[in-house]
């Protein structure tokens, strides 16, 4: 069975230029993250605030921590001082909280808008229509401590590749419309975070710039 370092190398070699790998380290111990780091990985994704806080102090300072899970407003202030990218902005209220916390911390926080593209109701995110209305409203332009860098979405958990491909295409088309309408002159609006362990090749073919891979790097969850 391949080890963490071998998995990192294999996936990286499969990714085209311009697509970055986020190693999803949630539920895996510090020792496994260190092994991935030693193999050259620097982007790691966590989805629970307390777990992320426990890990940051035990690992190298140059890791880029991405928050990829549902983020509660009352926990925003805990991660804003160090997080590199928040993938999961799923409401206008949450963006306001990140802006407030970023201003207090003296940082501009890079964020992605999470779009609900899957059939499962359990997934979070704006609907396409809600996000279009949010962007058209323009209130977000007043926020100085956040920077909207793109979009994130999760496909339905299914073996139906045509459904997955359709959902990824939906996210890519939304990104293209948002880019043209609101961010045409903003080079930083360039990220499409889609694709996980079981579907990232489909996501890359649909235009993903960032894939979030956990079990295919670290194996099954440890805790």
N, C-alpha and C. Protein backbone atom coordinates (compact mmCIF):
# COMPACT_ATOMS: atom_id res chain seq x y z
N UNK A 1 0.84 -1.20 0.00
CA UNK A 1 0.00 0.00 0.00
C UNK A 1 0.88 1.25 0.00
N UNK A 2 0.56 2.20 -0.89
CA UNK A 2 1.38 3.40 -1.01
C UNK A 2 1.27 4.26 0.24
N UNK A 3 2.36 4.94 0.56
CA UNK A 3 2.37 5.82 1.71
C UNK A 3 1.92 7.23 1.34
N UNK A 4 1.87 8.09 2.34
CA UNK A 4 1.39 9.46 2.14
C UNK A 4 2.24 10.21 1.12
N UNK A 5 3.56 10.10 1.24
CA UNK A 5 4.44 10.81 0.30
C UNK A 5 4.22 10.34 -1.13
N UNK A 6 4.11 9.03 -1.31
CA UNK A 6 3.89 8.49 -2.66
C UNK A 6 2.55 8.96 -3.21
N UNK A 7 1.53 9.02 -2.37
CA UNK A 7 0.22 9.49 -2.82
C UNK A 7 0.26 10.95 -3.25
N UNK A 8 0.97 11.77 -2.48
CA UNK A 8 1.12 13.18 -2.82
C UNK A 8 1.75 13.32 -4.20
N UNK A 9 2.84 12.62 -4.41
CA UNK A 9 3.56 12.71 -5.68
C UNK A 9 2.68 12.25 -6.84
N UNK A 10 1.98 11.14 -6.63
CA UNK A 10 1.14 10.58 -7.71
C UNK A 10 0.05 11.55 -8.11
N UNK A 11 -0.62 12.14 -7.14
CA UNK A 11 -1.70 13.07 -7.47
C UNK A 11 -1.15 14.33 -8.11
N UNK A 12 -0.09 14.86 -7.57
CA UNK A 12 0.50 16.07 -8.14
C UNK A 12 0.89 15.87 -9.60
N UNK A 13 1.47 14.71 -9.89
CA UNK A 13 1.90 14.44 -11.26
C UNK A 13 0.72 14.29 -12.21
N UNK A 14 -0.47 14.02 -11.65
CA UNK A 14 -1.67 13.87 -12.47
C UNK A 14 -2.38 15.20 -12.71
N UNK A 15 -2.01 16.22 -11.96
CA UNK A 15 -2.69 17.51 -12.09
C UNK A 15 -2.04 18.36 -13.17
N UNK A 16 -2.84 19.00 -14.00
CA UNK A 16 -2.27 19.90 -15.00
C UNK A 16 -1.73 21.17 -14.35
N UNK A 17 -0.92 21.89 -15.08
CA UNK A 17 -0.40 23.16 -14.59
C UNK A 17 -1.55 24.09 -14.24
N UNK A 18 -1.41 24.78 -13.12
CA UNK A 18 -2.43 25.73 -12.72
C UNK A 18 -3.47 25.17 -11.77
N UNK A 19 -3.43 23.87 -11.52
CA UNK A 19 -4.37 23.26 -10.58
C UNK A 19 -3.60 22.89 -9.31
N UNK A 20 -4.06 23.41 -8.18
CA UNK A 20 -3.37 23.17 -6.92
C UNK A 20 -4.06 22.09 -6.11
N UNK A 21 -3.26 21.41 -5.31
CA UNK A 21 -3.74 20.34 -4.45
C UNK A 21 -3.87 20.82 -3.01
N UNK A 22 -5.07 20.71 -2.45
CA UNK A 22 -5.29 20.95 -1.03
C UNK A 22 -5.41 19.58 -0.37
N UNK A 23 -4.47 19.26 0.50
CA UNK A 23 -4.51 17.99 1.22
C UNK A 23 -5.46 18.12 2.40
N UNK A 24 -6.56 17.38 2.34
CA UNK A 24 -7.59 17.49 3.38
C UNK A 24 -7.17 16.62 4.57
N UNK A 25 -6.71 17.30 5.60
CA UNK A 25 -6.09 16.61 6.74
C UNK A 25 -7.02 16.46 7.93
N UNK A 26 -8.28 16.83 7.78
CA UNK A 26 -9.22 16.71 8.90
C UNK A 26 -9.31 15.25 9.35
N UNK A 27 -9.38 15.06 10.66
CA UNK A 27 -9.47 13.75 11.30
C UNK A 27 -8.18 12.94 11.19
N UNK A 28 -7.10 13.55 10.74
CA UNK A 28 -5.82 12.85 10.66
C UNK A 28 -4.81 13.51 11.59
N UNK A 29 -3.90 12.73 12.15
CA UNK A 29 -3.00 13.26 13.18
C UNK A 29 -1.90 14.16 12.62
N UNK A 30 -1.30 14.89 13.53
CA UNK A 30 -0.20 15.79 13.17
C UNK A 30 0.93 15.04 12.46
N UNK A 31 1.21 13.81 12.89
CA UNK A 31 2.30 13.04 12.28
C UNK A 31 2.05 12.80 10.79
N UNK A 32 0.81 12.57 10.41
CA UNK A 32 0.49 12.36 9.00
C UNK A 32 0.63 13.64 8.19
N UNK A 33 0.22 14.75 8.80
CA UNK A 33 0.37 16.04 8.12
C UNK A 33 1.85 16.37 7.95
N UNK A 34 2.64 16.09 8.96
CA UNK A 34 4.08 16.33 8.87
C UNK A 34 4.69 15.49 7.75
N UNK A 35 4.23 14.27 7.59
CA UNK A 35 4.75 13.41 6.52
C UNK A 35 4.43 14.00 5.15
N UNK A 36 3.21 14.52 5.00
CA UNK A 36 2.84 15.17 3.74
C UNK A 36 3.66 16.44 3.52
N UNK A 37 3.88 17.18 4.59
CA UNK A 37 4.70 18.39 4.52
C UNK A 37 6.12 18.05 4.07
N UNK A 38 6.67 16.99 4.64
CA UNK A 38 8.03 16.58 4.29
C UNK A 38 8.14 16.15 2.82
N UNK A 39 7.00 15.76 2.24
CA UNK A 39 6.96 15.40 0.82
C UNK A 39 6.75 16.62 -0.07
N UNK A 40 6.70 17.80 0.53
CA UNK A 40 6.59 19.04 -0.24
C UNK A 40 5.23 19.69 -0.24
N UNK A 41 4.24 19.08 0.42
CA UNK A 41 2.89 19.64 0.43
C UNK A 41 2.82 20.83 1.40
N UNK A 42 2.19 21.91 0.97
CA UNK A 42 2.09 23.10 1.82
C UNK A 42 0.64 23.55 2.05
N UNK A 43 -0.30 23.14 1.23
CA UNK A 43 -1.69 23.52 1.37
C UNK A 43 -2.46 22.40 2.06
N UNK A 44 -3.07 22.71 3.19
CA UNK A 44 -3.83 21.72 3.94
C UNK A 44 -5.21 22.28 4.27
N UNK A 45 -6.23 21.41 4.20
CA UNK A 45 -7.59 21.82 4.46
C UNK A 45 -8.16 21.17 5.70
N UNK A 46 -8.77 21.98 6.55
CA UNK A 46 -9.43 21.50 7.77
C UNK A 46 -10.86 22.02 7.79
N UNK A 47 -11.74 21.28 8.49
CA UNK A 47 -13.16 21.65 8.49
C UNK A 47 -13.74 21.87 9.87
N UNK A 48 -12.93 21.70 10.91
CA UNK A 48 -13.40 21.95 12.28
C UNK A 48 -12.43 22.91 12.95
N UNK A 49 -12.99 23.99 13.49
CA UNK A 49 -12.15 25.05 14.04
C UNK A 49 -11.26 24.55 15.17
N UNK A 50 -11.82 23.82 16.13
CA UNK A 50 -11.03 23.39 17.27
C UNK A 50 -9.89 22.46 16.84
N UNK A 51 -10.17 21.58 15.90
CA UNK A 51 -9.12 20.68 15.42
C UNK A 51 -8.02 21.47 14.71
N UNK A 52 -8.41 22.46 13.93
CA UNK A 52 -7.42 23.29 13.24
C UNK A 52 -6.55 24.03 14.25
N UNK A 53 -7.15 24.59 15.26
CA UNK A 53 -6.39 25.33 16.26
C UNK A 53 -5.41 24.43 17.00
N UNK A 54 -5.81 23.20 17.26
CA UNK A 54 -4.92 22.26 17.94
C UNK A 54 -3.70 21.91 17.09
N UNK A 55 -3.89 21.88 15.80
CA UNK A 55 -2.81 21.44 14.91
C UNK A 55 -1.83 22.54 14.54
N UNK A 56 -2.32 23.77 14.43
CA UNK A 56 -1.46 24.83 13.91
C UNK A 56 -0.19 25.03 14.73
N UNK A 57 -0.31 24.96 16.04
CA UNK A 57 0.85 25.20 16.88
C UNK A 57 1.87 24.09 16.89
N UNK A 58 1.51 22.94 16.31
CA UNK A 58 2.40 21.78 16.32
C UNK A 58 3.08 21.53 14.98
N UNK A 59 2.82 22.39 14.02
CA UNK A 59 3.31 22.15 12.66
C UNK A 59 4.02 23.38 12.12
N UNK A 60 4.80 23.23 11.03
CA UNK A 60 5.59 24.35 10.50
C UNK A 60 4.76 25.59 10.18
N UNK A 61 5.36 26.74 10.38
CA UNK A 61 4.66 28.01 10.24
C UNK A 61 4.34 28.38 8.80
N UNK A 62 5.00 27.75 7.83
CA UNK A 62 4.76 28.14 6.44
C UNK A 62 3.64 27.32 5.78
N UNK A 63 2.94 26.52 6.54
CA UNK A 63 1.77 25.82 5.99
C UNK A 63 0.68 26.84 5.67
N UNK A 64 0.04 26.65 4.52
CA UNK A 64 -1.13 27.46 4.16
C UNK A 64 -2.38 26.68 4.59
N UNK A 65 -3.02 27.17 5.63
CA UNK A 65 -4.21 26.50 6.13
C UNK A 65 -5.45 27.00 5.42
N UNK A 66 -6.20 26.09 4.84
CA UNK A 66 -7.47 26.42 4.20
C UNK A 66 -8.60 25.88 5.06
N UNK A 67 -9.61 26.71 5.31
CA UNK A 67 -10.78 26.22 6.03
C UNK A 67 -11.83 25.84 5.01
N UNK A 68 -12.24 24.56 5.02
CA UNK A 68 -13.09 24.05 3.95
C UNK A 68 -14.47 23.60 4.42
N UNK A 69 -14.72 23.64 5.72
CA UNK A 69 -16.00 23.16 6.25
C UNK A 69 -16.97 24.28 6.55
N UNK A 70 -18.13 23.89 7.04
CA UNK A 70 -19.13 24.88 7.43
C UNK A 70 -18.58 25.68 8.61
N UNK A 71 -18.59 27.00 8.47
CA UNK A 71 -17.98 27.88 9.46
C UNK A 71 -19.07 28.64 10.21
N UNK A 72 -19.09 28.45 11.52
CA UNK A 72 -20.05 29.17 12.35
C UNK A 72 -19.55 30.59 12.59
N UNK A 73 -20.47 31.54 12.56
CA UNK A 73 -20.09 32.95 12.69
C UNK A 73 -19.33 33.23 13.98
N UNK A 74 -19.70 32.55 15.06
CA UNK A 74 -19.05 32.85 16.35
C UNK A 74 -17.65 32.26 16.46
N UNK A 75 -17.22 31.52 15.46
CA UNK A 75 -15.87 30.96 15.48
C UNK A 75 -14.93 31.61 14.46
N UNK A 76 -15.46 32.53 13.69
CA UNK A 76 -14.66 33.19 12.65
C UNK A 76 -13.41 33.82 13.23
N UNK A 77 -13.57 34.54 14.35
CA UNK A 77 -12.45 35.28 14.93
C UNK A 77 -11.29 34.38 15.34
N UNK A 78 -11.57 33.09 15.56
CA UNK A 78 -10.52 32.18 16.00
C UNK A 78 -9.54 31.82 14.89
N UNK A 79 -10.00 31.83 13.64
CA UNK A 79 -9.12 31.39 12.55
C UNK A 79 -8.62 32.54 11.67
N UNK A 80 -9.28 33.69 11.76
CA UNK A 80 -8.93 34.81 10.89
C UNK A 80 -7.47 35.28 11.05
N UNK A 81 -6.86 35.20 12.23
CA UNK A 81 -5.48 35.67 12.34
C UNK A 81 -4.47 34.92 11.48
N UNK A 82 -4.79 33.69 11.05
CA UNK A 82 -3.77 32.92 10.33
C UNK A 82 -4.25 32.20 9.09
N UNK A 83 -5.54 32.03 8.89
CA UNK A 83 -6.02 31.21 7.78
C UNK A 83 -5.64 31.84 6.44
N UNK A 84 -5.30 31.00 5.46
CA UNK A 84 -4.91 31.50 4.14
C UNK A 84 -6.11 31.69 3.22
N UNK A 85 -7.09 30.79 3.32
CA UNK A 85 -8.25 30.87 2.44
C UNK A 85 -9.43 30.17 3.12
N UNK A 86 -10.58 30.84 3.10
CA UNK A 86 -11.83 30.23 3.56
C UNK A 86 -12.63 29.84 2.33
N UNK A 87 -12.85 28.53 2.15
CA UNK A 87 -13.55 28.04 0.95
C UNK A 87 -15.06 28.15 1.09
N UNK A 88 -15.58 28.33 2.29
CA UNK A 88 -16.98 28.01 2.59
C UNK A 88 -17.82 29.20 3.04
N UNK A 89 -17.73 30.31 2.32
CA UNK A 89 -18.62 31.43 2.60
C UNK A 89 -19.97 31.10 1.99
N UNK A 90 -20.95 30.77 2.85
CA UNK A 90 -22.22 30.25 2.36
C UNK A 90 -23.40 31.17 2.63
N UNK A 91 -23.12 32.41 3.11
CA UNK A 91 -24.20 33.36 3.35
C UNK A 91 -23.63 34.78 3.41
N UNK A 92 -24.43 35.79 3.12
CA UNK A 92 -23.96 37.16 3.27
C UNK A 92 -23.54 37.47 4.71
N UNK A 93 -24.28 36.93 5.67
CA UNK A 93 -23.97 37.19 7.08
C UNK A 93 -22.58 36.69 7.45
N UNK A 94 -22.22 35.54 6.95
CA UNK A 94 -20.89 35.01 7.26
C UNK A 94 -19.79 35.89 6.67
N UNK A 95 -19.99 36.39 5.47
CA UNK A 95 -18.99 37.27 4.87
C UNK A 95 -18.83 38.54 5.70
N UNK A 96 -19.92 39.06 6.22
CA UNK A 96 -19.85 40.24 7.09
C UNK A 96 -19.01 39.93 8.33
N UNK A 97 -19.22 38.78 8.92
CA UNK A 97 -18.46 38.42 10.13
C UNK A 97 -16.97 38.28 9.83
N UNK A 98 -16.65 37.69 8.69
CA UNK A 98 -15.24 37.55 8.31
C UNK A 98 -14.62 38.92 8.07
N UNK A 99 -15.36 39.81 7.45
CA UNK A 99 -14.87 41.17 7.22
C UNK A 99 -14.59 41.88 8.54
N UNK A 100 -15.51 41.77 9.48
CA UNK A 100 -15.31 42.41 10.78
C UNK A 100 -14.08 41.85 11.50
N UNK A 101 -13.96 40.52 11.48
CA UNK A 101 -12.83 39.89 12.17
C UNK A 101 -11.52 40.21 11.47
N UNK A 102 -11.55 40.24 10.15
CA UNK A 102 -10.34 40.58 9.39
C UNK A 102 -9.88 42.00 9.70
N UNK A 103 -10.84 42.92 9.80
CA UNK A 103 -10.49 44.31 10.12
C UNK A 103 -9.85 44.40 11.51
N UNK A 104 -10.42 43.66 12.47
CA UNK A 104 -9.85 43.68 13.82
C UNK A 104 -8.45 43.08 13.84
N UNK A 105 -8.21 42.09 12.99
CA UNK A 105 -6.90 41.42 12.96
C UNK A 105 -5.91 42.15 12.06
N UNK A 106 -6.36 43.14 11.33
CA UNK A 106 -5.48 43.87 10.43
C UNK A 106 -5.10 43.05 9.20
N UNK A 107 -6.00 42.17 8.76
CA UNK A 107 -5.73 41.32 7.60
C UNK A 107 -6.87 41.41 6.60
N UNK A 108 -6.53 41.16 5.33
CA UNK A 108 -7.55 40.96 4.30
C UNK A 108 -7.64 39.45 4.08
N UNK A 109 -8.84 38.90 4.27
CA UNK A 109 -9.03 37.45 4.24
C UNK A 109 -9.54 37.00 2.88
N UNK A 110 -8.80 36.13 2.24
CA UNK A 110 -9.23 35.56 0.97
C UNK A 110 -10.35 34.55 1.20
N UNK A 111 -11.40 34.62 0.40
CA UNK A 111 -12.59 33.79 0.59
C UNK A 111 -13.10 33.28 -0.75
N UNK A 112 -13.81 32.16 -0.69
CA UNK A 112 -14.55 31.64 -1.83
C UNK A 112 -16.02 31.58 -1.46
N UNK A 113 -16.87 31.81 -2.44
CA UNK A 113 -18.31 31.69 -2.25
C UNK A 113 -18.71 30.25 -2.49
N UNK A 114 -19.33 29.62 -1.49
CA UNK A 114 -19.74 28.23 -1.63
C UNK A 114 -21.11 28.17 -2.30
N UNK A 115 -21.16 27.44 -3.41
CA UNK A 115 -22.39 27.32 -4.19
C UNK A 115 -22.94 25.91 -4.05
N UNK A 116 -24.22 25.81 -3.76
CA UNK A 116 -24.87 24.50 -3.60
C UNK A 116 -25.21 23.96 -4.98
N UNK A 117 -24.43 22.99 -5.44
CA UNK A 117 -24.66 22.43 -6.77
C UNK A 117 -25.14 20.99 -6.72
N UNK A 118 -25.12 20.37 -5.54
CA UNK A 118 -25.45 18.95 -5.40
C UNK A 118 -26.94 18.74 -5.19
N UNK A 119 -27.37 17.50 -5.41
CA UNK A 119 -28.77 17.15 -5.18
C UNK A 119 -29.07 16.99 -3.69
N UNK A 120 -28.04 16.71 -2.89
CA UNK A 120 -28.25 16.48 -1.46
C UNK A 120 -28.58 17.77 -0.72
N UNK A 121 -29.63 17.72 0.06
CA UNK A 121 -30.04 18.90 0.82
C UNK A 121 -29.11 19.18 1.99
N UNK A 122 -28.30 18.20 2.36
CA UNK A 122 -27.45 18.36 3.54
C UNK A 122 -26.26 19.27 3.29
N UNK A 123 -25.96 19.54 2.04
CA UNK A 123 -24.81 20.39 1.75
C UNK A 123 -25.18 21.87 1.91
N UNK A 124 -24.20 22.65 2.36
CA UNK A 124 -24.39 24.08 2.56
C UNK A 124 -24.10 24.84 1.28
N UNK A 125 -24.39 26.15 1.32
CA UNK A 125 -24.02 27.00 0.21
C UNK A 125 -25.17 27.82 -0.33
N UNK A 126 -24.81 28.91 -1.03
CA UNK A 126 -25.79 29.68 -1.79
C UNK A 126 -26.34 28.81 -2.92
N UNK A 127 -27.61 28.97 -3.26
CA UNK A 127 -28.03 28.48 -4.56
C UNK A 127 -27.44 29.42 -5.61
N UNK A 128 -27.41 28.98 -6.84
CA UNK A 128 -26.91 29.86 -7.91
C UNK A 128 -27.71 31.16 -7.93
N UNK A 129 -29.01 31.06 -7.80
CA UNK A 129 -29.86 32.25 -7.86
C UNK A 129 -29.60 33.18 -6.67
N UNK A 130 -29.41 32.60 -5.49
CA UNK A 130 -29.12 33.42 -4.31
C UNK A 130 -27.79 34.15 -4.46
N UNK A 131 -26.81 33.46 -5.00
CA UNK A 131 -25.49 34.09 -5.13
C UNK A 131 -25.50 35.17 -6.22
N UNK A 132 -26.24 34.92 -7.27
CA UNK A 132 -26.36 35.96 -8.30
C UNK A 132 -27.00 37.21 -7.73
N UNK A 133 -28.04 37.04 -6.90
CA UNK A 133 -28.69 38.19 -6.26
C UNK A 133 -27.75 38.88 -5.28
N UNK A 134 -26.98 38.10 -4.54
CA UNK A 134 -26.02 38.65 -3.59
C UNK A 134 -24.98 39.51 -4.30
N UNK A 135 -24.44 39.01 -5.39
CA UNK A 135 -23.43 39.78 -6.13
C UNK A 135 -24.05 41.02 -6.77
N UNK A 136 -25.25 40.89 -7.31
CA UNK A 136 -25.92 42.03 -7.94
C UNK A 136 -26.23 43.13 -6.95
N UNK A 137 -26.54 42.76 -5.71
CA UNK A 137 -26.84 43.74 -4.67
C UNK A 137 -25.67 44.69 -4.43
N UNK A 138 -24.45 44.14 -4.46
CA UNK A 138 -23.25 44.97 -4.40
C UNK A 138 -22.79 45.38 -3.02
N UNK A 139 -23.51 44.99 -1.97
CA UNK A 139 -23.10 45.36 -0.61
C UNK A 139 -21.69 44.87 -0.31
N UNK A 140 -21.32 43.73 -0.87
CA UNK A 140 -20.00 43.14 -0.62
C UNK A 140 -18.85 44.04 -1.06
N UNK A 141 -19.11 44.96 -1.96
CA UNK A 141 -18.05 45.86 -2.42
C UNK A 141 -17.57 46.80 -1.31
N UNK A 142 -18.36 46.95 -0.27
CA UNK A 142 -18.01 47.86 0.82
C UNK A 142 -17.06 47.23 1.82
N UNK A 143 -16.85 45.94 1.72
CA UNK A 143 -16.05 45.25 2.72
C UNK A 143 -14.57 45.33 2.36
N UNK A 144 -13.78 45.89 3.26
CA UNK A 144 -12.36 46.11 2.98
C UNK A 144 -11.45 45.00 3.47
N UNK A 145 -11.96 44.13 4.35
CA UNK A 145 -11.10 43.12 4.95
C UNK A 145 -11.36 41.71 4.44
N UNK A 146 -12.11 41.61 3.34
CA UNK A 146 -12.29 40.32 2.68
C UNK A 146 -12.03 40.51 1.18
N UNK A 147 -11.58 39.44 0.56
CA UNK A 147 -11.36 39.47 -0.88
C UNK A 147 -11.98 38.19 -1.47
N UNK A 148 -12.98 38.36 -2.31
CA UNK A 148 -13.64 37.21 -2.93
C UNK A 148 -12.79 36.74 -4.10
N UNK A 149 -12.25 35.52 -3.97
CA UNK A 149 -11.26 35.02 -4.94
C UNK A 149 -11.82 33.96 -5.88
N UNK A 150 -13.11 33.61 -5.72
CA UNK A 150 -13.67 32.59 -6.59
C UNK A 150 -14.81 31.86 -5.92
N UNK A 151 -14.99 30.60 -6.33
CA UNK A 151 -16.13 29.82 -5.87
C UNK A 151 -15.70 28.43 -5.45
N UNK A 152 -16.57 27.80 -4.65
CA UNK A 152 -16.35 26.41 -4.24
C UNK A 152 -17.67 25.66 -4.33
N UNK A 153 -17.58 24.37 -4.67
CA UNK A 153 -18.77 23.55 -4.68
C UNK A 153 -18.44 22.08 -4.51
N UNK A 154 -19.45 21.32 -4.06
CA UNK A 154 -19.31 19.87 -3.88
C UNK A 154 -20.38 19.18 -4.70
N UNK A 155 -19.97 18.20 -5.48
CA UNK A 155 -20.93 17.45 -6.28
C UNK A 155 -21.66 16.43 -5.43
N UNK A 156 -22.75 15.93 -5.96
CA UNK A 156 -23.51 14.87 -5.32
C UNK A 156 -22.63 13.63 -5.13
N UNK A 157 -22.79 12.97 -3.98
CA UNK A 157 -22.05 11.72 -3.73
C UNK A 157 -22.77 10.59 -4.46
N UNK A 158 -22.28 10.27 -5.64
CA UNK A 158 -22.94 9.30 -6.50
C UNK A 158 -21.93 8.69 -7.46
N UNK A 159 -22.28 7.53 -8.01
CA UNK A 159 -21.45 6.92 -9.06
C UNK A 159 -21.83 7.41 -10.45
N UNK A 160 -22.85 8.25 -10.53
CA UNK A 160 -23.33 8.75 -11.82
C UNK A 160 -22.43 9.89 -12.31
N UNK A 161 -21.48 9.54 -13.14
CA UNK A 161 -20.51 10.54 -13.59
C UNK A 161 -21.15 11.66 -14.41
N UNK A 162 -22.20 11.36 -15.11
CA UNK A 162 -22.86 12.40 -15.90
C UNK A 162 -23.47 13.46 -14.99
N UNK A 163 -24.05 13.03 -13.87
CA UNK A 163 -24.59 14.00 -12.90
C UNK A 163 -23.47 14.85 -12.31
N UNK A 164 -22.39 14.19 -11.91
CA UNK A 164 -21.26 14.92 -11.33
C UNK A 164 -20.72 15.94 -12.33
N UNK A 165 -20.56 15.51 -13.56
CA UNK A 165 -20.03 16.41 -14.59
C UNK A 165 -20.96 17.61 -14.81
N UNK A 166 -22.26 17.34 -14.81
CA UNK A 166 -23.23 18.42 -14.98
C UNK A 166 -23.15 19.43 -13.83
N UNK A 167 -22.98 18.92 -12.62
CA UNK A 167 -22.90 19.82 -11.46
C UNK A 167 -21.62 20.64 -11.50
N UNK A 168 -20.52 20.04 -11.86
CA UNK A 168 -19.28 20.80 -11.98
C UNK A 168 -19.39 21.84 -13.10
N UNK A 169 -20.02 21.47 -14.20
CA UNK A 169 -20.21 22.43 -15.30
C UNK A 169 -21.07 23.61 -14.85
N UNK A 170 -22.05 23.34 -14.00
CA UNK A 170 -22.89 24.41 -13.46
C UNK A 170 -22.07 25.41 -12.67
N UNK A 171 -21.15 24.90 -11.85
CA UNK A 171 -20.29 25.79 -11.06
C UNK A 171 -19.35 26.58 -11.96
N UNK A 172 -18.79 25.92 -12.95
CA UNK A 172 -17.87 26.63 -13.86
C UNK A 172 -18.61 27.74 -14.63
N UNK A 173 -19.82 27.47 -15.07
CA UNK A 173 -20.56 28.50 -15.80
C UNK A 173 -20.91 29.67 -14.88
N UNK A 174 -21.25 29.36 -13.62
CA UNK A 174 -21.51 30.45 -12.68
C UNK A 174 -20.26 31.29 -12.46
N UNK A 175 -19.13 30.62 -12.28
CA UNK A 175 -17.86 31.35 -12.12
C UNK A 175 -17.63 32.28 -13.31
N UNK A 176 -17.80 31.77 -14.51
CA UNK A 176 -17.55 32.58 -15.71
C UNK A 176 -18.46 33.80 -15.76
N UNK A 177 -19.74 33.62 -15.39
CA UNK A 177 -20.66 34.76 -15.39
C UNK A 177 -20.27 35.79 -14.35
N UNK A 178 -19.90 35.31 -13.15
CA UNK A 178 -19.50 36.23 -12.08
C UNK A 178 -18.22 36.97 -12.45
N UNK A 179 -17.29 36.26 -13.03
CA UNK A 179 -16.03 36.88 -13.45
C UNK A 179 -16.30 38.00 -14.45
N UNK A 180 -17.11 37.72 -15.46
CA UNK A 180 -17.38 38.71 -16.50
C UNK A 180 -18.16 39.91 -15.95
N UNK A 181 -19.09 39.66 -15.05
CA UNK A 181 -19.97 40.73 -14.59
C UNK A 181 -19.38 41.58 -13.47
N UNK A 182 -18.58 40.97 -12.59
CA UNK A 182 -18.16 41.67 -11.39
C UNK A 182 -16.66 41.71 -11.13
N UNK A 183 -15.90 40.81 -11.74
CA UNK A 183 -14.48 40.70 -11.40
C UNK A 183 -13.57 40.67 -12.63
N UNK A 184 -14.05 41.22 -13.73
CA UNK A 184 -13.29 41.11 -14.98
C UNK A 184 -11.89 41.70 -14.86
N UNK A 185 -11.74 42.72 -14.04
CA UNK A 185 -10.44 43.39 -13.91
C UNK A 185 -9.71 42.96 -12.64
N UNK A 186 -10.18 41.87 -12.01
CA UNK A 186 -9.57 41.42 -10.75
C UNK A 186 -8.86 40.08 -10.98
N UNK A 187 -7.54 40.13 -11.02
CA UNK A 187 -6.77 38.91 -11.26
C UNK A 187 -6.94 37.90 -10.14
N UNK A 188 -7.25 38.38 -8.93
CA UNK A 188 -7.36 37.45 -7.80
C UNK A 188 -8.62 36.59 -7.87
N UNK A 189 -9.62 37.00 -8.63
CA UNK A 189 -10.83 36.17 -8.78
C UNK A 189 -10.54 35.13 -9.86
N UNK A 190 -9.99 34.00 -9.41
CA UNK A 190 -9.53 33.00 -10.36
C UNK A 190 -9.71 31.56 -9.88
N UNK A 191 -10.21 31.37 -8.66
CA UNK A 191 -10.25 30.03 -8.09
C UNK A 191 -11.61 29.35 -8.25
N UNK A 192 -11.57 28.09 -8.68
CA UNK A 192 -12.74 27.23 -8.69
C UNK A 192 -12.35 25.98 -7.90
N UNK A 193 -12.77 25.95 -6.65
CA UNK A 193 -12.42 24.85 -5.76
C UNK A 193 -13.49 23.77 -5.89
N UNK A 194 -13.20 22.75 -6.67
CA UNK A 194 -14.14 21.64 -6.81
C UNK A 194 -13.36 20.38 -7.14
N UNK A 195 -13.89 19.26 -6.65
CA UNK A 195 -13.22 17.99 -6.84
C UNK A 195 -12.62 17.49 -5.55
N UNK A 196 -13.01 16.22 -5.18
CA UNK A 196 -12.48 15.59 -3.99
C UNK A 196 -11.90 14.22 -4.37
N UNK A 197 -11.63 13.40 -3.39
CA UNK A 197 -10.89 12.16 -3.66
C UNK A 197 -11.51 11.32 -4.78
N UNK A 198 -12.84 11.21 -4.79
CA UNK A 198 -13.48 10.30 -5.74
C UNK A 198 -13.87 10.94 -7.07
N UNK A 199 -13.79 12.27 -7.16
CA UNK A 199 -14.26 12.89 -8.40
C UNK A 199 -13.34 13.99 -8.94
N UNK A 200 -12.16 14.13 -8.37
CA UNK A 200 -11.34 15.26 -8.79
C UNK A 200 -10.93 15.23 -10.27
N UNK A 201 -10.71 14.05 -10.91
CA UNK A 201 -10.40 14.11 -12.35
C UNK A 201 -11.53 14.74 -13.17
N UNK A 202 -12.79 14.46 -12.80
CA UNK A 202 -13.92 15.08 -13.49
C UNK A 202 -13.93 16.59 -13.24
N UNK A 203 -13.60 16.99 -12.02
CA UNK A 203 -13.57 18.41 -11.69
C UNK A 203 -12.50 19.14 -12.49
N UNK A 204 -11.34 18.53 -12.61
CA UNK A 204 -10.25 19.16 -13.36
C UNK A 204 -10.64 19.33 -14.83
N UNK A 205 -11.28 18.32 -15.39
CA UNK A 205 -11.70 18.42 -16.79
C UNK A 205 -12.77 19.50 -16.97
N UNK A 206 -13.51 19.82 -15.89
CA UNK A 206 -14.54 20.85 -15.97
C UNK A 206 -14.01 22.25 -15.68
N UNK A 207 -12.75 22.36 -15.27
CA UNK A 207 -12.16 23.67 -15.06
C UNK A 207 -11.72 24.00 -13.65
N UNK A 208 -11.67 23.02 -12.76
CA UNK A 208 -11.23 23.28 -11.39
C UNK A 208 -9.81 23.82 -11.37
N UNK A 209 -9.55 24.72 -10.43
CA UNK A 209 -8.19 25.23 -10.21
C UNK A 209 -7.61 24.72 -8.90
N UNK A 210 -8.44 24.03 -8.12
CA UNK A 210 -8.03 23.60 -6.78
C UNK A 210 -8.84 22.37 -6.39
N UNK A 211 -8.15 21.26 -6.12
CA UNK A 211 -8.86 20.04 -5.71
C UNK A 211 -8.55 19.75 -4.25
N UNK A 212 -9.56 19.20 -3.56
CA UNK A 212 -9.47 18.95 -2.12
C UNK A 212 -9.47 17.43 -1.92
N UNK A 213 -8.31 16.87 -1.64
CA UNK A 213 -8.17 15.41 -1.59
C UNK A 213 -7.72 14.98 -0.20
N UNK A 214 -8.49 14.05 0.38
CA UNK A 214 -8.16 13.57 1.72
C UNK A 214 -7.82 12.10 1.77
N UNK A 215 -8.81 11.23 1.58
CA UNK A 215 -8.59 9.80 1.77
C UNK A 215 -7.60 9.23 0.77
N UNK A 216 -7.51 9.78 -0.42
CA UNK A 216 -6.55 9.26 -1.41
C UNK A 216 -5.11 9.68 -1.10
N UNK A 217 -4.96 10.53 -0.07
CA UNK A 217 -3.62 10.90 0.42
C UNK A 217 -3.35 10.20 1.75
N UNK A 218 -4.26 10.37 2.69
CA UNK A 218 -4.03 9.94 4.07
C UNK A 218 -4.65 8.60 4.41
N UNK A 219 -5.48 8.05 3.53
CA UNK A 219 -6.20 6.82 3.86
C UNK A 219 -7.46 7.15 4.65
N UNK A 220 -8.04 6.15 5.27
CA UNK A 220 -9.27 6.35 6.02
C UNK A 220 -9.03 7.21 7.26
N UNK A 221 -10.06 7.86 7.71
CA UNK A 221 -9.97 8.74 8.87
C UNK A 221 -9.46 7.99 10.09
N UNK A 222 -8.63 8.67 10.85
CA UNK A 222 -8.06 8.05 12.06
C UNK A 222 -8.92 8.34 13.27
N UNK A 223 -9.48 9.54 13.36
CA UNK A 223 -10.34 9.88 14.50
C UNK A 223 -11.40 10.87 14.08
